[in-house]
Amino acid sequence: MTQRCGVATLQLLARYGVDTVFGIPGVHTLEFCRGLDSDQSIRHIRARHEQGAGFMADGYARASGKPGVALVISGPGVTNAATALGQSYADSIPVLLLSAEPPTNSLGKGFGVLHEITSQSAVTAPLTAFSATAYTPQDIPDLLRRAFAVFNSARPRPVHISIPTDVLERLVEVPWVPAILASRPYPDPGAIRAGAEALSNASRALIMLGGGAIEAGEAITAIAERIGAVVTTSSAGKGIVSDMHPLNVGASQGRAPVHQLIADADVVLAIGTEISETDTFIERLTFNGTLIRADIDPAKVNDLYPADIGIVADANATATALLAALETSTDKAGPVLSKRASARANKVRASVTAGLSPTEQQHVTLLDAIRRVLPPHGMVFGDTCQLVYTGTFAMPVTAPRRWHYPTGFCTLGCGLPNAIGAQVALPQTPIIALAGDGGFMFTMQELVLAAELQLPLAIVIWDNQGLQQIRDDMRARQLPQIGVDGLNPDFEQLAHACFCHAAAPNSMSAFEAALASALEADRPTVIVVRENTAWLCS
C-alpha cells in the first residue's frame, strides 16, 4: 500500500504514542494537514503564534511525561518556535519540533524561495539533541527512531526534524513501523558500592535533586530517612521528595542558608541535577565533602563540579540500587540520624523565612491562599516573575510535576502556553498559570485559544506595573530606569475581549473565591492581583 509521505509521517507518530500536535498550518505544511485529516488519532491544536505552539508542546511534556510535538512551517515558523526549544533544551524536556522546509532542489542555494533559511537545521542545532533534514522519505522513520530513542533512553532534550515540501508529497510504501526502544542505562555495581559506603559513613549528608530524578522519589526518600540526609532540590526537582517532609528544605538552592548547608555537608549525593548557576544563582558553590553525582548524561559527572564518585545511569535505577546497598551496610540508627537532620533542615527553613523581603512576604501571603484552594494533585505553571521566584521555595507541593518553573532558559512568556499544553494533556487536572504583567504580554494572544478550547485555566497576573526585577536591579546598581515602565492594557477588559472570565479581587476571601470558581469554570479566568494592595500587606 502506498501513501503520501506527509500522511505516513503522522501515522508513524501516532504509532509512537503521539496523540496531539500544536501548531499553525501554512502553505508548506499542507501535506501534514492531509495526514492530520486522515489520521484522527492525532488532534491538532491551533496556537496563535508558533512560540506559543512550542511552549504548549513543552507544557504537554512536563505535565504528562510524554513527548510533546509542535508542527510548524519552515523559516519563520522555526525561528518563532526556537525560543521554546531553548527552554526545553535547558530543562531536558522531550519535545519534537516537526517542520516543513523548502524543496530539496533549493536548499542551501540562497535562491530567495518562500520561507528560505539557507541552513535551517543550523538554526536549531544548538537548542536540540539533534536537528536534521529528511532529504528522502526513508530518512523520516530513521530520524524519528533516533528522536524517540533520545526521549526514552537518554537525556530527553528536544529534537528538530525538517521535511522539504517535495519530500512530503512523495508516495511511500506503508505502514512504517516504530522502533523498539532501548531501556535506560543501569548503574555500575562498583560505583554503587562506593557511593553507598560514602553515604553510610556520613554524619552530615545532603541530597541534591534535579528534574532528572523525577521518577525516583520513593527510593530517594527512603535513602534520606535511612542515613539522615537533608534534601534540597532545584525548581525542576521540586516535589520529588515531598516539600512537607521534615528532611526537605525544598527548592531553595538560590538562598544563602542552603549554600552554607551545601558547604557544611561531608557527603553530597546529587542525582539528576546539573547543579547549574540557574539553580543556585551564584557563580560557584563550595563543596567541602565527598561529591557523588548520578546522571544519565555522562558530561554532567565531570563538568563544573567534578564527581568524586560518578554514576552514569538512570536516576531511579541508581537510587534503588543505592538503597539496597545501604540496607545491607548501615545499622538501624536511621531515626536518630533523621532527627538530627530534621533539626538542621528546620534551622535552614527558619533562616530562609527570616530573610524574606516585604515584597516576598506579600508573595507568600498570596501563595498560601493558592495552596489552600488548589487541590494537592493540581499543577502550577510559572512564568518568569518575582511571584514565581518566591513560589519556587515557598509554595509546598507533595509530588513531582506539580510545580513548573523553567529557570534554565528563564524566558518570559512561557507560563500561559505551558499551562494550555498541560491542560490539553491532563484535562481533569486543576491547573493555574502564574505570570507577571510584563511576561504575560509576550504570549497573551493564546488566551483566545484557551477560550476556544473551553479550558478551566486560572491565570493569575501579578501586576507590579512593569519589569520589576529589572527595575530593582537598576536601582541596586544606581542606574537610570530604562525601559522598565510603560502602559499595561486593562487586563480584565482584555480577558473579556478574548472570551474569558476576569476578576480583580479586593480581599483575600474574594481572591480565594475567584480562584476556586476559575478552576470549575467553562473557560479561562484571568485574575489580576496588584502588588502592594492592602489585603496582601495587612
Protein backbone atom coordinates (compact mmCIF):
# COMPACT_ATOMS: atom_id res chain seq x y z
CA MET A 1 0.00 0.00 0.00
CA THR A 2 1.25 3.50 -0.82
CA GLN A 3 0.60 6.77 0.96
CA ARG A 4 1.88 10.31 0.70
CA CYS A 5 4.91 10.92 2.87
CA GLY A 6 3.25 13.62 4.99
CA VAL A 7 0.41 11.25 5.86
CA ALA A 8 2.82 8.39 6.59
CA THR A 9 4.81 10.63 8.94
CA LEU A 10 1.76 11.47 11.05
CA GLN A 11 0.68 7.83 11.09
CA LEU A 12 4.11 6.80 12.36
CA LEU A 13 3.96 9.46 15.08
CA ALA A 14 0.63 8.02 16.21
CA ARG A 15 2.25 4.58 16.46
CA TYR A 16 4.87 6.12 18.77
CA GLY A 17 2.01 7.23 21.02
CA VAL A 18 1.62 10.84 19.88
CA ASP A 19 -2.00 11.99 20.28
CA THR A 20 -1.67 15.79 19.99
CA VAL A 21 0.30 18.28 17.92
CA PHE A 22 0.39 22.04 18.47
CA GLY A 23 0.95 24.39 15.56
CA ILE A 24 -0.33 26.74 12.88
CA PRO A 25 -0.99 25.44 9.36
CA GLY A 26 0.76 27.11 6.45
CA VAL A 27 1.36 26.67 2.76
CA HIS A 28 4.41 24.48 3.39
CA THR A 29 2.61 22.14 5.82
CA LEU A 30 -0.41 21.28 3.68
CA GLU A 31 0.72 17.68 3.23
CA PHE A 32 1.00 17.34 7.01
CA CYS A 33 -2.58 18.65 7.21
CA ARG A 34 -3.64 15.89 4.84
CA GLY A 35 -2.14 13.45 7.33
CA LEU A 36 -3.92 15.05 10.28
CA ASP A 37 -7.23 14.77 8.46
CA SER A 38 -6.68 11.11 7.55
CA ASP A 39 -5.39 10.05 10.97
CA GLN A 40 -8.00 11.01 13.54
CA SER A 41 -5.90 9.57 16.37
CA ILE A 42 -3.85 12.80 16.41
CA ARG A 43 -5.51 16.03 17.50
CA HIS A 44 -4.28 19.31 16.06
CA ILE A 45 -4.35 22.35 18.38
CA ARG A 46 -4.02 25.67 16.53
CA ALA A 47 -1.90 28.09 18.51
CA ARG A 48 -1.95 31.80 17.75
CA HIS A 49 1.85 32.04 17.42
CA GLU A 50 4.50 29.40 16.81
CA GLN A 51 6.30 30.36 20.01
CA GLY A 52 3.07 29.53 21.82
CA ALA A 53 2.88 26.21 19.99
CA GLY A 54 6.39 25.33 21.14
CA PHE A 55 5.62 26.27 24.73
CA MET A 56 2.41 24.23 24.59
CA ALA A 57 4.32 21.17 23.44
CA ASP A 58 6.78 21.80 26.28
CA GLY A 59 3.96 22.11 28.83
CA TYR A 60 2.28 18.98 27.50
CA ALA A 61 5.52 17.06 28.03
CA ARG A 62 6.16 18.49 31.51
CA ALA A 63 2.68 17.55 32.70
CA SER A 64 2.34 14.14 31.09
CA GLY A 65 5.91 12.84 30.89
CA LYS A 66 5.28 12.04 27.20
CA PRO A 67 6.95 13.81 24.28
CA GLY A 68 5.22 16.99 23.17
CA VAL A 69 5.04 17.80 19.45
CA ALA A 70 4.90 21.15 17.66
CA LEU A 71 4.24 21.28 13.92
CA VAL A 72 5.25 24.50 12.15
CA ILE A 73 6.07 25.94 8.77
CA SER A 74 9.61 26.43 7.53
CA GLY A 75 11.51 29.68 8.06
CA PRO A 76 9.57 31.98 10.41
CA GLY A 77 7.69 29.07 11.98
CA VAL A 78 11.01 27.56 13.02
CA THR A 79 12.55 30.83 14.22
CA ASN A 80 9.40 31.69 16.17
CA ALA A 81 9.43 28.29 17.88
CA ALA A 82 13.16 28.42 18.63
CA THR A 83 12.70 30.19 22.00
CA ALA A 84 10.52 27.34 23.23
CA LEU A 85 13.13 24.85 22.03
CA GLY A 86 15.73 26.67 24.10
CA GLN A 87 13.56 26.28 27.18
CA SER A 88 13.03 22.57 26.53
CA TYR A 89 16.75 22.09 25.97
CA ALA A 90 17.70 23.86 29.21
CA ASP A 91 15.22 21.78 31.25
CA SER A 92 15.69 18.42 29.45
CA ILE A 93 12.11 18.22 28.17
CA PRO A 94 11.22 15.75 25.36
CA VAL A 95 9.81 17.95 22.58
CA LEU A 96 9.73 17.20 18.87
CA LEU A 97 9.65 20.22 16.56
CA LEU A 98 8.44 18.93 13.20
CA SER A 99 8.68 21.47 10.41
CA ALA A 100 8.50 21.83 6.69
CA GLU A 101 11.42 23.08 4.61
CA PRO A 102 11.63 24.49 1.07
CA PRO A 103 12.09 21.98 -1.80
CA THR A 104 15.30 19.96 -1.81
CA ASN A 105 16.50 21.45 -5.11
CA SER A 106 16.69 24.88 -3.44
CA LEU A 107 18.32 24.01 -0.13
CA GLY A 108 21.46 25.98 0.69
CA LYS A 109 21.43 27.87 -2.60
CA GLY A 110 20.05 31.22 -1.50
CA PHE A 111 17.57 31.49 -4.38
CA GLY A 112 15.15 33.52 -2.27
CA VAL A 113 12.40 30.90 -2.21
CA LEU A 114 9.50 31.23 0.22
CA HIS A 115 10.48 30.88 3.92
CA GLU A 116 14.10 30.27 2.97
CA ILE A 117 16.81 29.73 5.55
CA THR A 118 19.95 28.56 3.80
CA SER A 119 20.68 26.11 6.63
CA GLN A 120 17.51 25.61 8.67
CA SER A 121 18.96 22.78 10.77
CA ALA A 122 21.83 25.07 11.81
CA VAL A 123 19.33 27.49 13.39
CA THR A 124 18.09 24.93 15.91
CA ALA A 125 21.17 22.72 16.27
CA PRO A 126 22.43 24.46 19.45
CA LEU A 127 18.95 24.14 21.00
CA THR A 128 18.37 20.44 20.40
CA ALA A 129 19.82 16.99 20.94
CA PHE A 130 19.98 16.98 17.15
CA SER A 131 18.47 18.87 14.23
CA ALA A 132 18.25 17.21 10.84
CA THR A 133 16.63 17.43 7.42
CA ALA A 134 14.96 14.44 5.78
CA TYR A 135 16.23 14.55 2.22
CA THR A 136 14.37 11.37 1.25
CA PRO A 137 11.22 9.69 2.60
CA GLN A 138 13.26 6.87 4.11
CA ASP A 139 15.14 9.38 6.24
CA ILE A 140 11.94 10.06 8.19
CA PRO A 141 11.49 6.74 10.03
CA ASP A 142 15.23 6.71 10.69
CA LEU A 143 15.18 10.21 12.21
CA LEU A 144 12.04 9.53 14.25
CA ARG A 145 13.63 6.33 15.58
CA ARG A 146 16.62 8.39 16.68
CA ALA A 147 14.40 11.09 18.21
CA PHE A 148 12.33 8.72 20.33
CA ALA A 149 15.49 6.94 21.46
CA VAL A 150 16.67 10.31 22.84
CA PHE A 151 13.32 10.85 24.56
CA ASN A 152 13.13 7.36 26.03
CA SER A 153 16.68 6.19 26.69
CA ALA A 154 18.95 9.23 27.10
CA ARG A 155 18.83 12.76 28.44
CA PRO A 156 15.48 13.82 26.92
CA ARG A 157 16.33 17.01 25.12
CA PRO A 158 14.29 18.38 22.17
CA VAL A 159 14.74 17.30 18.56
CA HIS A 160 14.00 19.19 15.35
CA ILE A 161 13.22 17.33 12.12
CA SER A 162 12.63 19.27 8.89
CA ILE A 163 10.97 17.71 5.85
CA PRO A 164 11.15 19.53 2.49
CA THR A 165 7.85 20.10 0.71
CA ASP A 166 8.71 17.88 -2.24
CA VAL A 167 9.61 15.01 0.11
CA LEU A 168 6.28 15.41 1.92
CA GLU A 169 4.44 14.95 -1.39
CA ARG A 170 6.13 11.70 -2.45
CA LEU A 171 4.43 8.33 -2.31
CA VAL A 172 5.88 5.74 0.08
CA GLU A 173 5.15 2.14 0.98
CA VAL A 174 3.33 1.92 4.31
CA PRO A 175 2.93 1.11 7.11
CA TRP A 176 6.08 2.48 8.70
CA VAL A 177 6.77 0.65 11.95
CA PRO A 178 8.05 2.28 15.16
CA ALA A 179 11.30 1.09 16.66
CA ILE A 180 11.65 -0.99 19.81
CA LEU A 181 13.37 1.46 22.13
CA ALA A 182 16.25 0.58 24.42
CA SER A 183 15.97 0.91 28.19
CA ARG A 184 17.95 3.49 30.15
CA PRO A 185 21.43 2.58 31.38
CA TYR A 186 21.82 0.69 34.66
CA PRO A 187 24.42 1.81 37.23
CA ASP A 188 27.81 0.17 37.57
CA PRO A 189 27.82 -2.06 40.70
CA GLY A 190 31.27 -0.84 41.76
CA ALA A 191 30.15 2.78 41.68
CA ILE A 192 27.06 1.86 43.70
CA ARG A 193 29.19 0.15 46.36
CA ALA A 194 31.50 3.15 46.59
CA GLY A 195 28.58 5.57 46.82
CA ALA A 196 26.80 3.50 49.47
CA GLU A 197 29.97 3.26 51.57
CA ALA A 198 30.47 7.04 51.48
CA LEU A 199 26.84 7.68 52.40
CA SER A 200 26.81 5.12 55.21
CA ASN A 201 29.80 6.87 56.85
CA ALA A 202 28.38 10.38 56.51
CA SER A 203 27.35 12.41 59.54
CA ARG A 204 26.10 15.49 57.63
CA ALA A 205 24.80 14.03 54.38
CA LEU A 206 22.98 16.14 51.84
CA ILE A 207 20.93 15.04 48.82
CA MET A 208 20.56 17.45 45.88
CA LEU A 209 17.85 16.63 43.35
CA GLY A 210 17.09 17.88 39.85
CA GLY A 211 14.46 17.13 37.24
CA GLY A 212 16.36 14.04 36.09
CA ALA A 213 15.34 12.30 39.34
CA ILE A 214 11.63 12.86 38.82
CA GLU A 215 10.78 9.15 38.84
CA ALA A 216 13.00 8.23 41.80
CA GLY A 217 11.21 9.92 44.69
CA GLU A 218 10.26 6.84 46.70
CA ALA A 219 13.77 5.38 46.79
CA ILE A 220 15.40 8.77 47.42
CA THR A 221 13.06 9.50 50.33
CA ALA A 222 13.96 6.12 51.84
CA ILE A 223 17.68 6.85 51.43
CA ALA A 224 17.32 10.22 53.16
CA GLU A 225 15.48 8.66 56.08
CA ARG A 226 17.94 5.80 56.41
CA ILE A 227 21.12 7.90 56.54
CA GLY A 228 19.66 11.11 57.97
CA ALA A 229 20.26 13.30 54.93
CA VAL A 230 18.84 16.77 54.38
CA VAL A 231 17.27 17.15 50.92
CA THR A 232 17.29 20.18 48.64
CA THR A 233 16.01 20.41 45.07
CA SER A 234 16.19 22.57 42.00
CA SER A 235 12.97 24.05 40.65
CA ALA A 236 12.72 21.11 38.23
CA GLY A 237 13.18 18.65 41.11
CA LYS A 238 10.54 20.21 43.33
CA GLY A 239 8.24 17.60 44.88
CA ILE A 240 10.39 14.54 44.16
CA VAL A 241 10.64 14.35 47.92
CA SER A 242 7.54 15.98 49.39
CA ASP A 243 8.08 19.60 50.40
CA MET A 244 6.25 18.69 53.61
CA HIS A 245 8.85 16.06 54.57
CA PRO A 246 10.82 17.21 57.64
CA LEU A 247 14.15 16.44 55.93
CA ASN A 248 13.42 18.59 52.86
CA VAL A 249 14.37 22.27 52.73
CA GLY A 250 12.67 22.50 49.34
CA ALA A 251 13.67 24.21 46.13
CA SER A 252 15.68 26.85 47.96
CA GLN A 253 19.11 26.41 46.39
CA GLY A 254 19.15 30.08 45.44
CA ARG A 255 19.23 31.11 49.13
CA ALA A 256 22.37 31.75 51.18
CA PRO A 257 21.45 29.37 54.06
CA VAL A 258 21.30 26.49 51.58
CA HIS A 259 24.64 27.49 50.04
CA GLN A 260 26.11 27.14 53.54
CA LEU A 261 24.28 23.83 54.06
CA ILE A 262 26.00 22.50 50.92
CA ALA A 263 29.41 23.70 52.07
CA ASP A 264 28.94 22.09 55.50
CA ALA A 265 27.95 18.65 54.16
CA ASP A 266 30.52 15.87 54.48
CA VAL A 267 28.88 13.86 51.65
CA VAL A 268 26.64 15.22 48.89
CA LEU A 269 24.58 12.92 46.68
CA ALA A 270 23.50 14.85 43.57
CA ILE A 271 21.00 12.97 41.39
CA GLY A 272 19.70 14.16 38.03
CA THR A 273 20.86 17.75 38.51
CA GLU A 274 23.23 19.98 36.58
CA ILE A 275 23.98 21.97 39.75
CA SER A 276 23.75 24.94 37.46
CA GLU A 277 24.04 28.67 38.03
CA THR A 278 20.30 28.97 37.33
CA ASP A 279 19.59 26.58 40.22
CA THR A 280 21.73 28.40 42.77
CA PHE A 281 22.06 31.94 41.36
CA ILE A 282 25.66 32.21 42.42
CA GLU A 283 28.67 31.70 40.20
CA ARG A 284 30.18 28.84 42.16
CA LEU A 285 29.10 26.67 45.09
CA THR A 286 31.57 25.32 47.63
CA PHE A 287 31.72 21.55 48.11
CA ASN A 288 33.94 20.54 51.02
CA GLY A 289 32.72 16.96 51.29
CA THR A 290 32.67 13.94 49.01
CA LEU A 291 30.57 14.62 45.92
CA ILE A 292 28.61 11.71 44.41
CA ARG A 293 26.99 12.58 41.09
CA ALA A 294 24.44 10.33 39.42
CA ASP A 295 23.21 11.39 35.98
CA ILE A 296 22.11 9.81 32.73
CA ASP A 297 24.27 12.37 30.90
CA PRO A 298 27.98 11.40 31.20
CA ALA A 299 29.01 15.01 30.53
CA LYS A 300 27.47 16.08 33.84
CA VAL A 301 29.62 13.85 36.02
CA ASN A 302 32.81 15.81 35.34
CA ASP A 303 31.79 19.32 34.39
CA LEU A 304 31.93 22.41 36.64
CA TYR A 305 31.69 20.21 39.75
CA PRO A 306 33.68 17.02 39.07
CA ALA A 307 32.43 14.00 40.97
CA ASP A 308 34.49 12.08 43.49
CA ILE A 309 32.20 9.16 42.69
CA GLY A 310 30.42 9.23 39.33
CA ILE A 311 27.41 7.11 38.38
CA VAL A 312 26.19 7.34 34.78
CA ALA A 313 22.76 5.74 34.79
CA ASP A 314 19.03 6.16 35.12
CA ALA A 315 18.14 8.01 38.34
CA ASN A 316 15.52 5.56 39.59
CA ALA A 317 17.74 2.55 38.95
CA THR A 318 20.59 4.34 40.74
CA ALA A 319 18.52 5.32 43.78
CA THR A 320 17.02 1.83 44.04
CA ALA A 321 20.46 0.21 43.87
CA LEU A 322 21.92 2.64 46.43
CA LEU A 323 19.04 1.96 48.81
CA ALA A 324 19.53 -1.79 48.51
CA ALA A 325 23.25 -1.42 49.21
CA LEU A 326 22.59 0.84 52.20
CA GLU A 327 20.10 -1.61 53.67
CA THR A 328 22.85 -4.19 53.91
CA SER A 329 25.64 -1.82 55.02
CA THR A 330 24.02 0.57 57.54
CA ASP A 331 22.74 -0.07 61.02
CA LYS A 332 19.34 0.83 62.49
CA ALA A 333 20.37 4.37 63.51
CA GLY A 334 18.18 5.93 60.82
CA PRO A 335 15.62 7.50 63.23
CA VAL A 336 18.40 9.12 65.31
CA LEU A 337 20.20 10.42 62.23
CA SER A 338 16.94 11.68 60.76
CA LYS A 339 16.14 13.59 63.97
CA ARG A 340 19.48 15.40 63.76
CA ALA A 341 18.99 16.08 60.05
CA SER A 342 15.48 17.39 60.69
CA ALA A 343 16.92 19.89 63.15
CA ARG A 344 19.41 21.09 60.51
CA ALA A 345 16.61 21.37 57.97
CA ASN A 346 14.39 23.31 60.39
CA LYS A 347 17.19 25.76 61.04
CA VAL A 348 17.71 26.35 57.31
CA ARG A 349 13.99 26.81 56.63
CA ALA A 350 13.69 29.29 59.50
CA SER A 351 16.68 31.24 58.23
CA VAL A 352 15.24 31.44 54.70
CA THR A 353 11.88 32.64 56.05
CA ALA A 354 13.53 35.24 58.27
CA GLY A 355 15.33 36.68 55.25
CA LEU A 356 12.21 37.39 53.18
CA SER A 357 11.79 40.93 51.88
CA PRO A 358 8.49 42.80 52.33
CA THR A 359 7.55 42.05 48.71
CA GLU A 360 8.37 38.36 49.17
CA GLN A 361 6.13 38.34 52.25
CA GLN A 362 3.29 39.55 50.00
CA HIS A 363 4.12 36.72 47.61
CA VAL A 364 3.96 34.18 50.44
CA THR A 365 0.57 35.52 51.54
CA LEU A 366 -0.82 35.01 48.04
CA LEU A 367 0.88 31.65 47.55
CA ASP A 368 -0.54 30.38 50.83
CA ALA A 369 -4.00 31.28 49.55
CA ILE A 370 -3.34 29.46 46.27
CA ARG A 371 -2.22 26.40 48.23
CA ARG A 372 -5.43 26.47 50.28
CA VAL A 373 -7.59 26.48 47.14
CA LEU A 374 -5.63 24.30 44.71
CA PRO A 375 -6.16 20.56 45.29
CA PRO A 376 -2.98 18.58 46.08
CA HIS A 377 -2.95 17.00 42.60
CA GLY A 378 -3.26 20.40 40.91
CA MET A 379 -0.42 21.94 38.93
CA VAL A 380 1.11 25.40 38.79
CA PHE A 381 2.89 26.73 35.70
CA GLY A 382 5.02 29.76 36.42
CA ASP A 383 6.23 32.44 34.06
CA THR A 384 9.39 34.37 34.83
CA CYS A 385 8.33 36.83 37.53
CA GLN A 386 9.11 37.65 41.14
CA LEU A 387 6.00 35.90 42.48
CA VAL A 388 7.23 32.67 40.91
CA TYR A 389 10.79 33.14 42.14
CA THR A 390 9.40 33.16 45.66
CA GLY A 391 6.96 30.34 44.99
CA THR A 392 9.75 28.01 43.93
CA PHE A 393 10.71 27.57 47.58
CA ALA A 394 7.68 29.00 49.40
CA MET A 395 4.77 27.06 47.87
CA PRO A 396 4.86 23.44 49.01
CA VAL A 397 3.94 20.53 46.75
CA THR A 398 3.86 16.88 47.74
CA ALA A 399 4.75 15.18 44.45
CA PRO A 400 6.76 15.85 41.28
CA ARG A 401 5.20 17.52 38.23
CA ARG A 402 3.07 19.75 40.46
CA TRP A 403 5.22 22.91 40.17
CA HIS A 404 6.70 24.01 36.84
CA TYR A 405 9.03 26.97 36.55
CA PRO A 406 11.71 26.76 33.81
CA THR A 407 14.61 28.55 35.46
CA GLY A 408 17.22 27.30 32.99
CA PHE A 409 16.37 29.38 29.92
CA CYS A 410 14.36 31.84 32.04
CA THR A 411 12.38 33.27 29.14
CA LEU A 412 9.34 35.47 29.55
CA GLY A 413 6.01 34.33 28.15
CA CYS A 414 6.09 30.60 28.85
CA GLY A 415 3.53 30.39 31.67
CA LEU A 416 0.20 30.65 29.83
CA PRO A 417 1.02 28.43 26.81
CA ASN A 418 2.78 25.89 29.07
CA ALA A 419 -0.40 25.69 31.12
CA ILE A 420 -2.54 25.29 27.99
CA GLY A 421 -0.41 22.37 26.81
CA ALA A 422 -0.64 20.77 30.26
CA GLN A 423 -4.43 21.17 30.40
CA VAL A 424 -4.76 19.56 26.97
CA ALA A 425 -2.64 16.63 28.19
CA LEU A 426 -4.45 16.28 31.53
CA PRO A 427 -7.95 17.74 31.15
CA GLN A 428 -9.11 16.58 34.60
CA THR A 429 -6.22 18.22 36.46
CA PRO A 430 -6.73 21.67 38.05
CA ILE A 431 -4.10 24.00 36.58
CA ILE A 432 -3.02 27.53 37.46
CA ALA A 433 -0.74 29.80 35.43
CA LEU A 434 1.19 32.47 37.33
CA ALA A 435 2.60 35.39 35.33
CA GLY A 436 3.86 38.89 35.83
CA ASP A 437 2.22 41.68 33.88
CA GLY A 438 5.33 42.02 31.68
CA GLY A 439 5.75 38.34 30.86
CA PHE A 440 2.04 37.82 30.26
CA MET A 441 2.20 40.34 27.40
CA PHE A 442 4.59 38.09 25.46
CA THR A 443 2.01 35.38 24.74
CA MET A 444 -1.32 36.87 25.80
CA GLN A 445 -2.82 36.07 22.38
CA GLU A 446 -3.04 32.43 23.46
CA LEU A 447 -5.94 33.42 25.74
CA VAL A 448 -8.14 33.14 22.65
CA LEU A 449 -7.06 29.54 22.10
CA ALA A 450 -7.66 28.65 25.75
CA ALA A 451 -11.17 30.11 25.48
CA GLU A 452 -11.78 28.29 22.20
CA LEU A 453 -10.84 25.01 23.91
CA GLN A 454 -13.02 25.91 26.93
CA LEU A 455 -10.17 25.19 29.33
CA PRO A 456 -10.86 25.90 33.03
CA LEU A 457 -7.49 27.58 33.49
CA ALA A 458 -6.90 30.03 36.29
CA ILE A 459 -4.44 32.71 35.14
CA VAL A 460 -3.13 34.84 37.99
CA ILE A 461 -1.38 38.03 36.84
CA TRP A 462 0.94 39.59 39.42
CA ASP A 463 0.72 43.24 38.37
CA ASN A 464 3.62 45.41 39.54
CA GLN A 465 3.32 47.86 36.64
CA GLY A 466 6.40 46.91 34.68
CA LEU A 467 9.52 44.77 34.72
CA GLN A 468 10.02 44.91 38.48
CA GLN A 469 13.04 42.59 38.75
CA ILE A 470 14.99 44.65 36.23
CA ARG A 471 13.77 47.83 37.90
CA ASP A 472 15.14 46.53 41.22
CA ASP A 473 18.43 45.54 39.59
CA MET A 474 18.81 49.02 38.09
CA ARG A 475 18.17 50.63 41.47
CA ALA A 476 20.71 48.36 43.13
CA ARG A 477 23.37 49.46 40.64
CA GLN A 478 22.27 53.10 40.79
CA LEU A 479 21.36 53.06 37.10
CA PRO A 480 18.64 55.09 35.42
CA GLN A 481 15.44 53.09 34.98
CA ILE A 482 15.33 52.48 31.25
CA GLY A 483 12.55 50.53 29.54
CA VAL A 484 11.04 49.01 32.68
CA ASP A 485 7.89 51.17 32.86
CA GLY A 486 5.04 51.63 30.42
CA LEU A 487 1.35 51.21 29.82
CA ASN A 488 -0.41 47.94 30.50
CA PRO A 489 -3.76 47.04 28.97
CA ASP A 490 -6.82 46.76 31.15
CA PHE A 491 -6.33 43.05 31.81
CA GLU A 492 -9.96 42.49 32.78
CA GLN A 493 -11.25 44.03 29.55
CA LEU A 494 -8.61 42.14 27.61
CA ALA A 495 -9.82 38.87 29.15
CA HIS A 496 -13.43 39.64 28.21
CA ALA A 497 -12.37 40.57 24.67
CA CYS A 498 -10.74 37.12 24.43
CA PHE A 499 -13.96 35.41 25.64
CA CYS A 500 -12.57 34.70 29.11
CA HIS A 501 -13.81 35.44 32.61
CA ALA A 502 -11.97 38.04 34.70
CA ALA A 503 -11.66 39.17 38.30
CA ALA A 504 -9.71 41.79 40.26
CA PRO A 505 -10.32 40.74 43.88
CA ASN A 506 -10.26 43.34 46.66
CA SER A 507 -9.84 40.96 49.60
CA MET A 508 -8.30 37.61 50.43
CA SER A 509 -11.70 35.94 50.58
CA ALA A 510 -12.57 37.41 47.17
CA PHE A 511 -9.31 36.09 45.72
CA GLU A 512 -9.88 32.60 47.06
CA ALA A 513 -13.47 32.60 45.78
CA ALA A 514 -12.34 33.79 42.33
CA LEU A 515 -9.65 31.12 42.17
CA ALA A 516 -11.98 28.33 43.25
CA SER A 517 -14.57 29.45 40.71
CA ALA A 518 -11.93 29.63 37.95
CA LEU A 519 -10.91 26.01 38.44
CA GLU A 520 -14.54 24.95 37.84
CA ALA A 521 -15.36 27.39 35.05
CA ASP A 522 -16.39 26.81 31.44
CA ARG A 523 -13.47 28.84 30.11
CA PRO A 524 -10.25 30.51 31.36
CA THR A 525 -10.34 33.14 34.08
CA VAL A 526 -7.83 36.00 34.36
CA ILE A 527 -7.35 37.09 37.98
CA VAL A 528 -5.42 40.34 38.43
CA VAL A 529 -3.57 40.87 41.73
CA ARG A 530 -1.78 44.16 42.20
CA GLU A 531 1.40 44.32 44.24
CA ASN A 532 1.14 46.36 47.46
CA THR A 533 -2.64 46.10 47.54
CA ALA A 534 -3.94 46.46 51.09
CA TRP A 535 -5.20 42.91 51.57
CA LEU A 536 -1.75 41.48 50.81
CA CYS A 537 0.07 43.84 53.15
CA SER A 538 -2.13 43.64 56.25
